[in-house]
Amino acid sequence: KSGDRGTGLGLFVVHRIVDNLKGTIEVTSTPGKGSCFTVCL
């Protein structure tokens, strides 16, 4: 994202929280079609 819209911390923090909760997070994505984040706890 452009500098005024993103810090690069959001998904990093998400990963850390899920890991601390003993869970997993996976992502699948296709350019032009979208993304899917799967969080399992």
PDB file of all heavy atoms in Angstrom:
ATOM      1  N   LYS A   1       0.841  -1.195   0.000  1.00  0.00           N
ATOM      2  CA  LYS A   1       0.000   0.000   0.000  1.00  0.00           C
ATOM      3  C   LYS A   1       0.874   1.242   0.000  1.00  0.00           C
ATOM      4  O   LYS A   1       2.036   1.208   0.391  1.00  0.00           O
ATOM      5  CB  LYS A   1      -0.922   0.004   1.224  1.00  0.00           C
ATOM      6  CG  LYS A   1      -1.816  -1.223   1.333  1.00  0.00           C
ATOM      7  CD  LYS A   1      -2.583  -1.219   2.634  1.00  0.00           C
ATOM      8  CE  LYS A   1      -3.377  -2.507   2.814  1.00  0.00           C
ATOM      9  NZ  LYS A   1      -4.075  -2.567   4.123  1.00  0.00           N
ATOM     10  N   SER A   2       0.283   2.357  -0.393  1.00  0.00           N
ATOM     11  CA  SER A   2       1.008   3.619  -0.362  1.00  0.00           C
ATOM     12  C   SER A   2       1.293   4.006   1.079  1.00  0.00           C
ATOM     13  O   SER A   2       0.636   3.540   2.017  1.00  0.00           O
ATOM     14  CB  SER A   2       0.195   4.718  -1.053  1.00  0.00           C
ATOM     15  OG  SER A   2      -1.061   4.890  -0.412  1.00  0.00           O
ATOM     16  N   GLY A   3       2.272   4.880   1.276  1.00  0.00           N
ATOM     17  CA  GLY A   3       2.737   5.227   2.607  1.00  0.00           C
ATOM     18  C   GLY A   3       1.667   5.761   3.532  1.00  0.00           C
ATOM     19  O   GLY A   3       1.749   5.586   4.752  1.00  0.00           O
ATOM     20  N   ASP A   4       0.657   6.449   2.976  1.00  0.00           N
ATOM     21  CA  ASP A   4      -0.382   7.036   3.825  1.00  0.00           C
ATOM     22  C   ASP A   4      -1.508   6.056   4.119  1.00  0.00           C
ATOM     23  O   ASP A   4      -2.438   6.387   4.844  1.00  0.00           O
ATOM     24  CB  ASP A   4      -0.956   8.300   3.170  1.00  0.00           C
ATOM     25  CG  ASP A   4      -1.576   8.011   1.799  1.00  0.00           C
ATOM     26  OD1 ASP A   4      -1.234   6.960   1.213  1.00  0.00           O
ATOM     27  OD2 ASP A   4      -2.390   8.829   1.332  1.00  0.00           O
ATOM     28  N   ARG A   5      -1.431   4.832   3.585  1.00  0.00           N
ATOM     29  CA  ARG A   5      -2.528   3.873   3.782  1.00  0.00           C
ATOM     30  C   ARG A   5      -2.099   2.602   4.507  1.00  0.00           C
ATOM     31  O   ARG A   5      -2.937   1.844   4.974  1.00  0.00           O
ATOM     32  CB  ARG A   5      -3.139   3.497   2.427  1.00  0.00           C
ATOM     33  CG  ARG A   5      -3.846   4.639   1.741  1.00  0.00           C
ATOM     34  CD  ARG A   5      -4.420   4.216   0.398  1.00  0.00           C
ATOM     35  NE  ARG A   5      -5.361   3.115   0.539  1.00  0.00           N
ATOM     36  CZ  ARG A   5      -5.222   1.936  -0.055  1.00  0.00           C
ATOM     37  NH1 ARG A   5      -4.174   1.695  -0.805  1.00  0.00           N
ATOM     38  NH2 ARG A   5      -6.124   0.996   0.100  1.00  0.00           N
ATOM     39  N   GLY A   6      -0.812   2.353   4.594  1.00  0.00           N
ATOM     40  CA  GLY A   6      -0.391   1.108   5.224  1.00  0.00           C
ATOM     41  C   GLY A   6       0.950   1.237   5.918  1.00  0.00           C
ATOM     42  O   GLY A   6       1.849   1.930   5.433  1.00  0.00           O
ATOM     43  N   THR A   7       1.097   0.557   7.066  1.00  0.00           N
ATOM     44  CA  THR A   7       2.353   0.567   7.817  1.00  0.00           C
ATOM     45  C   THR A   7       3.115  -0.748   7.670  1.00  0.00           C
ATOM     46  O   THR A   7       4.273  -0.833   8.052  1.00  0.00           O
ATOM     47  CB  THR A   7       2.078   0.790   9.314  1.00  0.00           C
ATOM     48  OG1 THR A   7       1.283  -0.305   9.809  1.00  0.00           O
ATOM     49  CG2 THR A   7       1.346   2.102   9.534  1.00  0.00           C
ATOM     50  N   GLY A   8       2.454  -1.789   7.169  1.00  0.00           N
ATOM     51  CA  GLY A   8       3.097  -3.087   7.087  1.00  0.00           C
ATOM     52  C   GLY A   8       3.106  -3.836   8.401  1.00  0.00           C
ATOM     53  O   GLY A   8       3.866  -4.787   8.568  1.00  0.00           O
ATOM     54  N   LEU A   9       2.249  -3.428   9.336  1.00  0.00           N
ATOM     55  CA  LEU A   9       2.207  -4.076  10.646  1.00  0.00           C
ATOM     56  C   LEU A   9       0.973  -4.949  10.841  1.00  0.00           C
ATOM     57  O   LEU A   9       0.991  -5.869  11.661  1.00  0.00           O
ATOM     58  CB  LEU A   9       2.234  -3.016  11.757  1.00  0.00           C
ATOM     59  CG  LEU A   9       3.490  -2.155  11.841  1.00  0.00           C
ATOM     60  CD1 LEU A   9       3.360  -1.164  12.992  1.00  0.00           C
ATOM     61  CD2 LEU A   9       4.716  -3.006  12.017  1.00  0.00           C
ATOM     62  N   GLY A  10      -0.106  -4.670  10.110  1.00  0.00           N
ATOM     63  CA  GLY A  10      -1.368  -5.354  10.365  1.00  0.00           C
ATOM     64  C   GLY A  10      -1.288  -6.865  10.303  1.00  0.00           C
ATOM     65  O   GLY A  10      -1.629  -7.558  11.258  1.00  0.00           O
ATOM     66  N   LEU A  11      -0.804  -7.399   9.193  1.00  0.00           N
ATOM     67  CA  LEU A  11      -0.745  -8.855   9.036  1.00  0.00           C
ATOM     68  C   LEU A  11       0.365  -9.468   9.880  1.00  0.00           C
ATOM     69  O   LEU A  11       0.251 -10.616  10.320  1.00  0.00           O
ATOM     70  CB  LEU A  11      -0.551  -9.213   7.556  1.00  0.00           C
ATOM     71  CG  LEU A  11      -1.766  -8.916   6.669  1.00  0.00           C
ATOM     72  CD1 LEU A  11      -1.460  -9.246   5.209  1.00  0.00           C
ATOM     73  CD2 LEU A  11      -2.986  -9.691   7.133  1.00  0.00           C
ATOM     74  N   PHE A  12       1.423  -8.707  10.124  1.00  0.00           N
ATOM     75  CA  PHE A  12       2.469  -9.184  11.036  1.00  0.00           C
ATOM     76  C   PHE A  12       1.875  -9.410  12.433  1.00  0.00           C
ATOM     77  O   PHE A  12       2.115 -10.439  13.059  1.00  0.00           O
ATOM     78  CB  PHE A  12       3.597  -8.155  11.100  1.00  0.00           C
ATOM     79  CG  PHE A  12       4.582  -8.406  12.218  1.00  0.00           C
ATOM     80  CD1 PHE A  12       5.534  -9.403  12.116  1.00  0.00           C
ATOM     81  CD2 PHE A  12       4.535  -7.647  13.378  1.00  0.00           C
ATOM     82  CE1 PHE A  12       6.437  -9.631  13.147  1.00  0.00           C
ATOM     83  CE2 PHE A  12       5.435  -7.866  14.405  1.00  0.00           C
ATOM     84  CZ  PHE A  12       6.387  -8.860  14.292  1.00  0.00           C
ATOM     85  N   VAL A  13       1.084  -8.437  12.905  1.00  0.00           N
ATOM     86  CA  VAL A  13       0.460  -8.556  14.224  1.00  0.00           C
ATOM     87  C   VAL A  13      -0.549  -9.702  14.235  1.00  0.00           C
ATOM     88  O   VAL A  13      -0.628 -10.473  15.200  1.00  0.00           O
ATOM     89  CB  VAL A  13      -0.219  -7.226  14.612  1.00  0.00           C
ATOM     90  CG1 VAL A  13      -1.085  -7.399  15.851  1.00  0.00           C
ATOM     91  CG2 VAL A  13       0.832  -6.161  14.863  1.00  0.00           C
ATOM     92  N   VAL A  14      -1.316  -9.850  13.169  1.00  0.00           N
ATOM     93  CA  VAL A  14      -2.272 -10.951  13.068  1.00  0.00           C
ATOM     94  C   VAL A  14      -1.556 -12.290  13.235  1.00  0.00           C
ATOM     95  O   VAL A  14      -1.991 -13.172  13.984  1.00  0.00           O
ATOM     96  CB  VAL A  14      -3.015 -10.906  11.714  1.00  0.00           C
ATOM     97  CG1 VAL A  14      -3.699 -12.242  11.420  1.00  0.00           C
ATOM     98  CG2 VAL A  14      -4.044  -9.790  11.719  1.00  0.00           C
ATOM     99  N   HIS A  15      -0.448 -12.453  12.521  1.00  0.00           N
ATOM    100  CA  HIS A  15       0.311 -13.712  12.589  1.00  0.00           C
ATOM    101  C   HIS A  15       0.813 -13.964  14.003  1.00  0.00           C
ATOM    102  O   HIS A  15       0.737 -15.094  14.508  1.00  0.00           O
ATOM    103  CB  HIS A  15       1.477 -13.661  11.603  1.00  0.00           C
ATOM    104  CG  HIS A  15       2.204 -14.962  11.449  1.00  0.00           C
ATOM    105  ND1 HIS A  15       3.220 -15.354  12.310  1.00  0.00           N
ATOM    106  CD2 HIS A  15       2.059 -15.987  10.563  1.00  0.00           C
ATOM    107  CE1 HIS A  15       3.670 -16.533  11.954  1.00  0.00           C
ATOM    108  NE2 HIS A  15       2.983 -16.948  10.900  1.00  0.00           N
ATOM    109  N   ARG A  16       1.327 -12.927  14.664  1.00  0.00           N
ATOM    110  CA  ARG A  16       1.838 -13.083  16.023  1.00  0.00           C
ATOM    111  C   ARG A  16       0.722 -13.473  16.993  1.00  0.00           C
ATOM    112  O   ARG A  16       0.901 -14.339  17.851  1.00  0.00           O
ATOM    113  CB  ARG A  16       2.486 -11.779  16.496  1.00  0.00           C
ATOM    114  CG  ARG A  16       3.732 -11.402  15.734  1.00  0.00           C
ATOM    115  CD  ARG A  16       4.874 -12.336  15.993  1.00  0.00           C
ATOM    116  NE  ARG A  16       5.267 -12.357  17.386  1.00  0.00           N
ATOM    117  CZ  ARG A  16       6.211 -13.132  17.891  1.00  0.00           C
ATOM    118  NH1 ARG A  16       6.836 -13.988  17.105  1.00  0.00           N
ATOM    119  NH2 ARG A  16       6.524 -13.074  19.160  1.00  0.00           N
ATOM    120  N   ILE A  17      -0.438 -12.834  16.861  1.00  0.00           N
ATOM    121  CA  ILE A  17      -1.551 -13.128  17.768  1.00  0.00           C
ATOM    122  C   ILE A  17      -2.024 -14.564  17.576  1.00  0.00           C
ATOM    123  O   ILE A  17      -2.215 -15.310  18.548  1.00  0.00           O
ATOM    124  CB  ILE A  17      -2.714 -12.144  17.539  1.00  0.00           C
ATOM    125  CG1 ILE A  17      -2.320 -10.751  18.028  1.00  0.00           C
ATOM    126  CG2 ILE A  17      -3.982 -12.616  18.258  1.00  0.00           C
ATOM    127  CD1 ILE A  17      -3.370  -9.690  17.742  1.00  0.00           C
ATOM    128  N   VAL A  18      -2.214 -14.972  16.329  1.00  0.00           N
ATOM    129  CA  VAL A  18      -2.680 -16.337  16.052  1.00  0.00           C
ATOM    130  C   VAL A  18      -1.680 -17.357  16.578  1.00  0.00           C
ATOM    131  O   VAL A  18      -2.061 -18.380  17.161  1.00  0.00           O
ATOM    132  CB  VAL A  18      -2.920 -16.532  14.539  1.00  0.00           C
ATOM    133  CG1 VAL A  18      -3.228 -17.991  14.223  1.00  0.00           C
ATOM    134  CG2 VAL A  18      -4.077 -15.652  14.072  1.00  0.00           C
ATOM    135  N   ASP A  19      -0.401 -17.073  16.398  1.00  0.00           N
ATOM    136  CA  ASP A  19       0.634 -17.982  16.901  1.00  0.00           C
ATOM    137  C   ASP A  19       0.580 -18.060  18.426  1.00  0.00           C
ATOM    138  O   ASP A  19       0.685 -19.144  19.006  1.00  0.00           O
ATOM    139  CB  ASP A  19       2.008 -17.497  16.440  1.00  0.00           C
ATOM    140  CG  ASP A  19       3.113 -18.485  16.785  1.00  0.00           C
ATOM    141  OD1 ASP A  19       3.036 -19.636  16.330  1.00  0.00           O
ATOM    142  OD2 ASP A  19       4.042 -18.107  17.513  1.00  0.00           O
ATOM    143  N   ASN A  20       0.394 -16.921  19.094  1.00  0.00           N
ATOM    144  CA  ASN A  20       0.301 -16.909  20.557  1.00  0.00           C
ATOM    145  C   ASN A  20      -0.932 -17.661  21.053  1.00  0.00           C
ATOM    146  O   ASN A  20      -0.935 -18.209  22.162  1.00  0.00           O
ATOM    147  CB  ASN A  20       0.270 -15.471  21.075  1.00  0.00           C
ATOM    148  CG  ASN A  20       1.602 -14.769  20.944  1.00  0.00           C
ATOM    149  OD1 ASN A  20       2.648 -15.419  20.853  1.00  0.00           O
ATOM    150  ND2 ASN A  20       1.590 -13.455  20.916  1.00  0.00           N
ATOM    151  N   LEU A  21      -1.975 -17.690  20.254  1.00  0.00           N
ATOM    152  CA  LEU A  21      -3.198 -18.411  20.612  1.00  0.00           C
ATOM    153  C   LEU A  21      -3.115 -19.892  20.228  1.00  0.00           C
ATOM    154  O   LEU A  21      -4.107 -20.606  20.289  1.00  0.00           O
ATOM    155  CB  LEU A  21      -4.415 -17.771  19.936  1.00  0.00           C
ATOM    156  CG  LEU A  21      -4.781 -16.364  20.417  1.00  0.00           C
ATOM    157  CD1 LEU A  21      -5.926 -15.787  19.581  1.00  0.00           C
ATOM    158  CD2 LEU A  21      -5.158 -16.357  21.889  1.00  0.00           C
ATOM    159  N   LYS A  22      -1.924 -20.343  19.827  1.00  0.00           N
ATOM    160  CA  LYS A  22      -1.680 -21.736  19.450  1.00  0.00           C
ATOM    161  C   LYS A  22      -2.486 -22.142  18.211  1.00  0.00           C
ATOM    162  O   LYS A  22      -2.845 -23.305  18.047  1.00  0.00           O
ATOM    163  CB  LYS A  22      -2.011 -22.701  20.600  1.00  0.00           C
ATOM    164  CG  LYS A  22      -1.338 -22.368  21.916  1.00  0.00           C
ATOM    165  CD  LYS A  22       0.168 -22.407  21.802  1.00  0.00           C
ATOM    166  CE  LYS A  22       0.830 -22.104  23.154  1.00  0.00           C
ATOM    167  NZ  LYS A  22       2.292 -22.048  23.056  1.00  0.00           N
ATOM    168  N   GLY A  23      -2.745 -21.159  17.353  1.00  0.00           N
ATOM    169  CA  GLY A  23      -3.495 -21.439  16.140  1.00  0.00           C
ATOM    170  C   GLY A  23      -2.614 -21.377  14.909  1.00  0.00           C
ATOM    171  O   GLY A  23      -1.383 -21.289  14.990  1.00  0.00           O
ATOM    172  N   THR A  24      -3.242 -21.435  13.742  1.00  0.00           N
ATOM    173  CA  THR A  24      -2.527 -21.350  12.467  1.00  0.00           C
ATOM    174  C   THR A  24      -3.240 -20.355  11.565  1.00  0.00           C
ATOM    175  O   THR A  24      -4.444 -20.114  11.709  1.00  0.00           O
ATOM    176  CB  THR A  24      -2.472 -22.715  11.758  1.00  0.00           C
ATOM    177  OG1 THR A  24      -3.825 -23.149  11.451  1.00  0.00           O
ATOM    178  CG2 THR A  24      -1.795 -23.761  12.628  1.00  0.00           C
ATOM    179  N   ILE A  25      -2.495 -19.778  10.655  1.00  0.00           N
ATOM    180  CA  ILE A  25      -3.088 -18.894   9.643  1.00  0.00           C
ATOM    181  C   ILE A  25      -2.452 -19.210   8.303  1.00  0.00           C
ATOM    182  O   ILE A  25      -1.228 -19.349   8.201  1.00  0.00           O
ATOM    183  CB  ILE A  25      -2.913 -17.407  10.012  1.00  0.00           C
ATOM    184  CG1 ILE A  25      -3.574 -16.514   8.944  1.00  0.00           C
ATOM    185  CG2 ILE A  25      -1.446 -17.041  10.210  1.00  0.00           C
ATOM    186  CD1 ILE A  25      -3.699 -15.072   9.346  1.00  0.00           C
ATOM    187  N   GLU A  26      -3.291 -19.388   7.292  1.00  0.00           N
ATOM    188  CA  GLU A  26      -2.834 -19.681   5.946  1.00  0.00           C
ATOM    189  C   GLU A  26      -3.518 -18.733   4.975  1.00  0.00           C
ATOM    190  O   GLU A  26      -4.613 -18.222   5.250  1.00  0.00           O
ATOM    191  CB  GLU A  26      -3.162 -21.131   5.568  1.00  0.00           C
ATOM    192  CG  GLU A  26      -2.468 -22.176   6.447  1.00  0.00           C
ATOM    193  CD  GLU A  26      -2.874 -23.599   6.088  1.00  0.00           C
ATOM    194  OE1 GLU A  26      -3.787 -23.743   5.244  1.00  0.00           O
ATOM    195  OE2 GLU A  26      -2.286 -24.542   6.636  1.00  0.00           O
ATOM    196  N   VAL A  27      -2.878 -18.508   3.847  1.00  0.00           N
ATOM    197  CA  VAL A  27      -3.459 -17.621   2.846  1.00  0.00           C
ATOM    198  C   VAL A  27      -3.294 -18.238   1.466  1.00  0.00           C
ATOM    199  O   VAL A  27      -2.261 -18.806   1.138  1.00  0.00           O
ATOM    200  CB  VAL A  27      -2.805 -16.224   2.899  1.00  0.00           C
ATOM    201  CG1 VAL A  27      -1.302 -16.313   2.699  1.00  0.00           C
ATOM    202  CG2 VAL A  27      -3.428 -15.296   1.870  1.00  0.00           C
ATOM    203  N   THR A  28      -4.358 -18.172   0.691  1.00  0.00           N
ATOM    204  CA  THR A  28      -4.308 -18.527  -0.729  1.00  0.00           C
ATOM    205  C   THR A  28      -4.740 -17.301  -1.514  1.00  0.00           C
ATOM    206  O   THR A  28      -5.590 -16.527  -1.055  1.00  0.00           O
ATOM    207  CB  THR A  28      -5.242 -19.706  -1.052  1.00  0.00           C
ATOM    208  OG1 THR A  28      -6.587 -19.374  -0.661  1.00  0.00           O
ATOM    209  CG2 THR A  28      -4.805 -20.956  -0.299  1.00  0.00           C
ATOM    210  N   SER A  29      -4.159 -17.101  -2.673  1.00  0.00           N
ATOM    211  CA  SER A  29      -4.472 -15.897  -3.442  1.00  0.00           C
ATOM    212  C   SER A  29      -4.144 -16.101  -4.905  1.00  0.00           C
ATOM    213  O   SER A  29      -3.169 -16.796  -5.250  1.00  0.00           O
ATOM    214  CB  SER A  29      -3.690 -14.703  -2.885  1.00  0.00           C
ATOM    215  OG  SER A  29      -4.073 -13.504  -3.524  1.00  0.00           O
ATOM    216  N   THR A  30      -4.956 -15.498  -5.749  1.00  0.00           N
ATOM    217  CA  THR A  30      -4.738 -15.517  -7.199  1.00  0.00           C
ATOM    218  C   THR A  30      -4.814 -14.086  -7.710  1.00  0.00           C
ATOM    219  O   THR A  30      -5.811 -13.401  -7.454  1.00  0.00           O
ATOM    220  CB  THR A  30      -5.802 -16.361  -7.921  1.00  0.00           C
ATOM    221  OG1 THR A  30      -5.783 -17.689  -7.387  1.00  0.00           O
ATOM    222  CG2 THR A  30      -5.532 -16.397  -9.415  1.00  0.00           C
ATOM    223  N   PRO A  31      -3.777 -13.604  -8.371  1.00  0.00           N
ATOM    224  CA  PRO A  31      -3.813 -12.241  -8.880  1.00  0.00           C
ATOM    225  C   PRO A  31      -5.048 -11.978  -9.732  1.00  0.00           C
ATOM    226  O   PRO A  31      -5.379 -12.764 -10.621  1.00  0.00           O
ATOM    227  CB  PRO A  31      -2.518 -12.143  -9.714  1.00  0.00           C
ATOM    228  CG  PRO A  31      -1.605 -13.153  -9.103  1.00  0.00           C
ATOM    229  CD  PRO A  31      -2.497 -14.279  -8.670  1.00  0.00           C
ATOM    230  N   GLY A  32      -5.739 -10.897  -9.425  1.00  0.00           N
ATOM    231  CA  GLY A  32      -6.925 -10.517 -10.175  1.00  0.00           C
ATOM    232  C   GLY A  32      -8.201 -11.197  -9.734  1.00  0.00           C
ATOM    233  O   GLY A  32      -9.290 -10.842 -10.200  1.00  0.00           O
ATOM    234  N   LYS A  33      -8.119 -12.190  -8.835  1.00  0.00           N
ATOM    235  CA  LYS A  33      -9.321 -12.928  -8.440  1.00  0.00           C
ATOM    236  C   LYS A  33      -9.618 -12.852  -6.943  1.00  0.00           C
ATOM    237  O   LYS A  33     -10.733 -13.155  -6.528  1.00  0.00           O
ATOM    238  CB  LYS A  33      -9.200 -14.389  -8.861  1.00  0.00           C
ATOM    239  CG  LYS A  33      -9.179 -14.577 -10.372  1.00  0.00           C
ATOM    240  CD  LYS A  33      -9.204 -16.055 -10.743  1.00  0.00           C
ATOM    241  CE  LYS A  33      -9.230 -16.241 -12.258  1.00  0.00           C
ATOM    242  NZ  LYS A  33      -9.261 -17.676 -12.634  1.00  0.00           N
ATOM    243  N   GLY A  34      -8.656 -12.496  -6.124  1.00  0.00           N
ATOM    244  CA  GLY A  34      -8.936 -12.353  -4.703  1.00  0.00           C
ATOM    245  C   GLY A  34      -8.051 -13.204  -3.817  1.00  0.00           C
ATOM    246  O   GLY A  34      -7.169 -13.937  -4.296  1.00  0.00           O
ATOM    247  N   SER A  35      -8.305 -13.097  -2.516  1.00  0.00           N
ATOM    248  CA  SER A  35      -7.511 -13.806  -1.514  1.00  0.00           C
ATOM    249  C   SER A  35      -8.412 -14.430  -0.466  1.00  0.00           C
ATOM    250  O   SER A  35      -9.551 -14.002  -0.271  1.00  0.00           O
ATOM    251  CB  SER A  35      -6.527 -12.844  -0.823  1.00  0.00           C
ATOM    252  OG  SER A  35      -5.692 -12.203  -1.759  1.00  0.00           O
ATOM    253  N   CYS A  36      -7.880 -15.442   0.212  1.00  0.00           N
ATOM    254  CA  CYS A  36      -8.618 -16.102   1.292  1.00  0.00           C
ATOM    255  C   CYS A  36      -7.651 -16.378   2.441  1.00  0.00           C
ATOM    256  O   CYS A  36      -6.663 -17.079   2.268  1.00  0.00           O
ATOM    257  CB  CYS A  36      -9.254 -17.400   0.810  1.00  0.00           C
ATOM    258  SG  CYS A  36     -10.166 -18.281   2.111  1.00  0.00           S
ATOM    259  N   PHE A  37      -7.941 -15.782   3.613  1.00  0.00           N
ATOM    260  CA  PHE A  37      -7.174 -16.026   4.827  1.00  0.00           C
ATOM    261  C   PHE A  37      -7.947 -17.014   5.688  1.00  0.00           C
ATOM    262  O   PHE A  37      -9.138 -16.810   5.954  1.00  0.00           O
ATOM    263  CB  PHE A  37      -6.947 -14.733   5.602  1.00  0.00           C
ATOM    264  CG  PHE A  37      -5.948 -13.809   4.978  1.00  0.00           C
ATOM    265  CD1 PHE A  37      -6.309 -12.962   3.944  1.00  0.00           C
ATOM    266  CD2 PHE A  37      -4.639 -13.787   5.424  1.00  0.00           C
ATOM    267  CE1 PHE A  37      -5.391 -12.109   3.362  1.00  0.00           C
ATOM    268  CE2 PHE A  37      -3.704 -12.940   4.845  1.00  0.00           C
ATOM    269  CZ  PHE A  37      -4.081 -12.095   3.812  1.00  0.00           C
ATOM    270  N   THR A  38      -7.276 -18.080   6.124  1.00  0.00           N
ATOM    271  CA  THR A  38      -7.901 -19.093   6.970  1.00  0.00           C
ATOM    272  C   THR A  38      -7.207 -19.114   8.324  1.00  0.00           C
ATOM    273  O   THR A  38      -6.009 -19.406   8.404  1.00  0.00           O
ATOM    274  CB  THR A  38      -7.823 -20.488   6.328  1.00  0.00           C
ATOM    275  OG1 THR A  38      -8.458 -20.451   5.038  1.00  0.00           O
ATOM    276  CG2 THR A  38      -8.525 -21.513   7.203  1.00  0.00           C
ATOM    277  N   VAL A  39      -7.953 -18.791   9.369  1.00  0.00           N
ATOM    278  CA  VAL A  39      -7.437 -18.795  10.740  1.00  0.00           C
ATOM    279  C   VAL A  39      -8.076 -19.961  11.484  1.00  0.00           C
ATOM    280  O   VAL A  39      -9.306 -20.061  11.544  1.00  0.00           O
ATOM    281  CB  VAL A  39      -7.770 -17.478  11.467  1.00  0.00           C
ATOM    282  CG1 VAL A  39      -7.315 -17.547  12.928  1.00  0.00           C
ATOM    283  CG2 VAL A  39      -7.125 -16.301  10.758  1.00  0.00           C
ATOM    284  N   CYS A  40      -7.256 -20.856  12.017  1.00  0.00           N
ATOM    285  CA  CYS A  40      -7.754 -21.998  12.784  1.00  0.00           C
ATOM    286  C   CYS A  40      -7.258 -21.899  14.221  1.00  0.00           C
ATOM    287  O   CYS A  40      -6.060 -21.686  14.454  1.00  0.00           O
ATOM    288  CB  CYS A  40      -7.282 -23.315  12.155  1.00  0.00           C
ATOM    289  SG  CYS A  40      -7.996 -23.658  10.519  1.00  0.00           S
ATOM    290  N   LEU A  41      -8.188 -22.069  15.162  1.00  0.00           N
ATOM    291  CA  LEU A  41      -7.876 -21.967  16.587  1.00  0.00           C
ATOM    292  C   LEU A  41      -8.243 -23.264  17.290  1.00  0.00           C
ATOM    293  O   LEU A  41      -9.207 -23.932  16.888  1.00  0.00           O
ATOM    294  CB  LEU A  41      -8.648 -20.805  17.219  1.00  0.00           C
ATOM    295  CG  LEU A  41      -8.376 -19.413  16.640  1.00  0.00           C
ATOM    296  CD1 LEU A  41      -9.365 -18.409  17.203  1.00  0.00           C
ATOM    297  CD2 LEU A  41      -6.948 -18.984  16.931  1.00  0.00           C
TER     298      LEU A  41
END
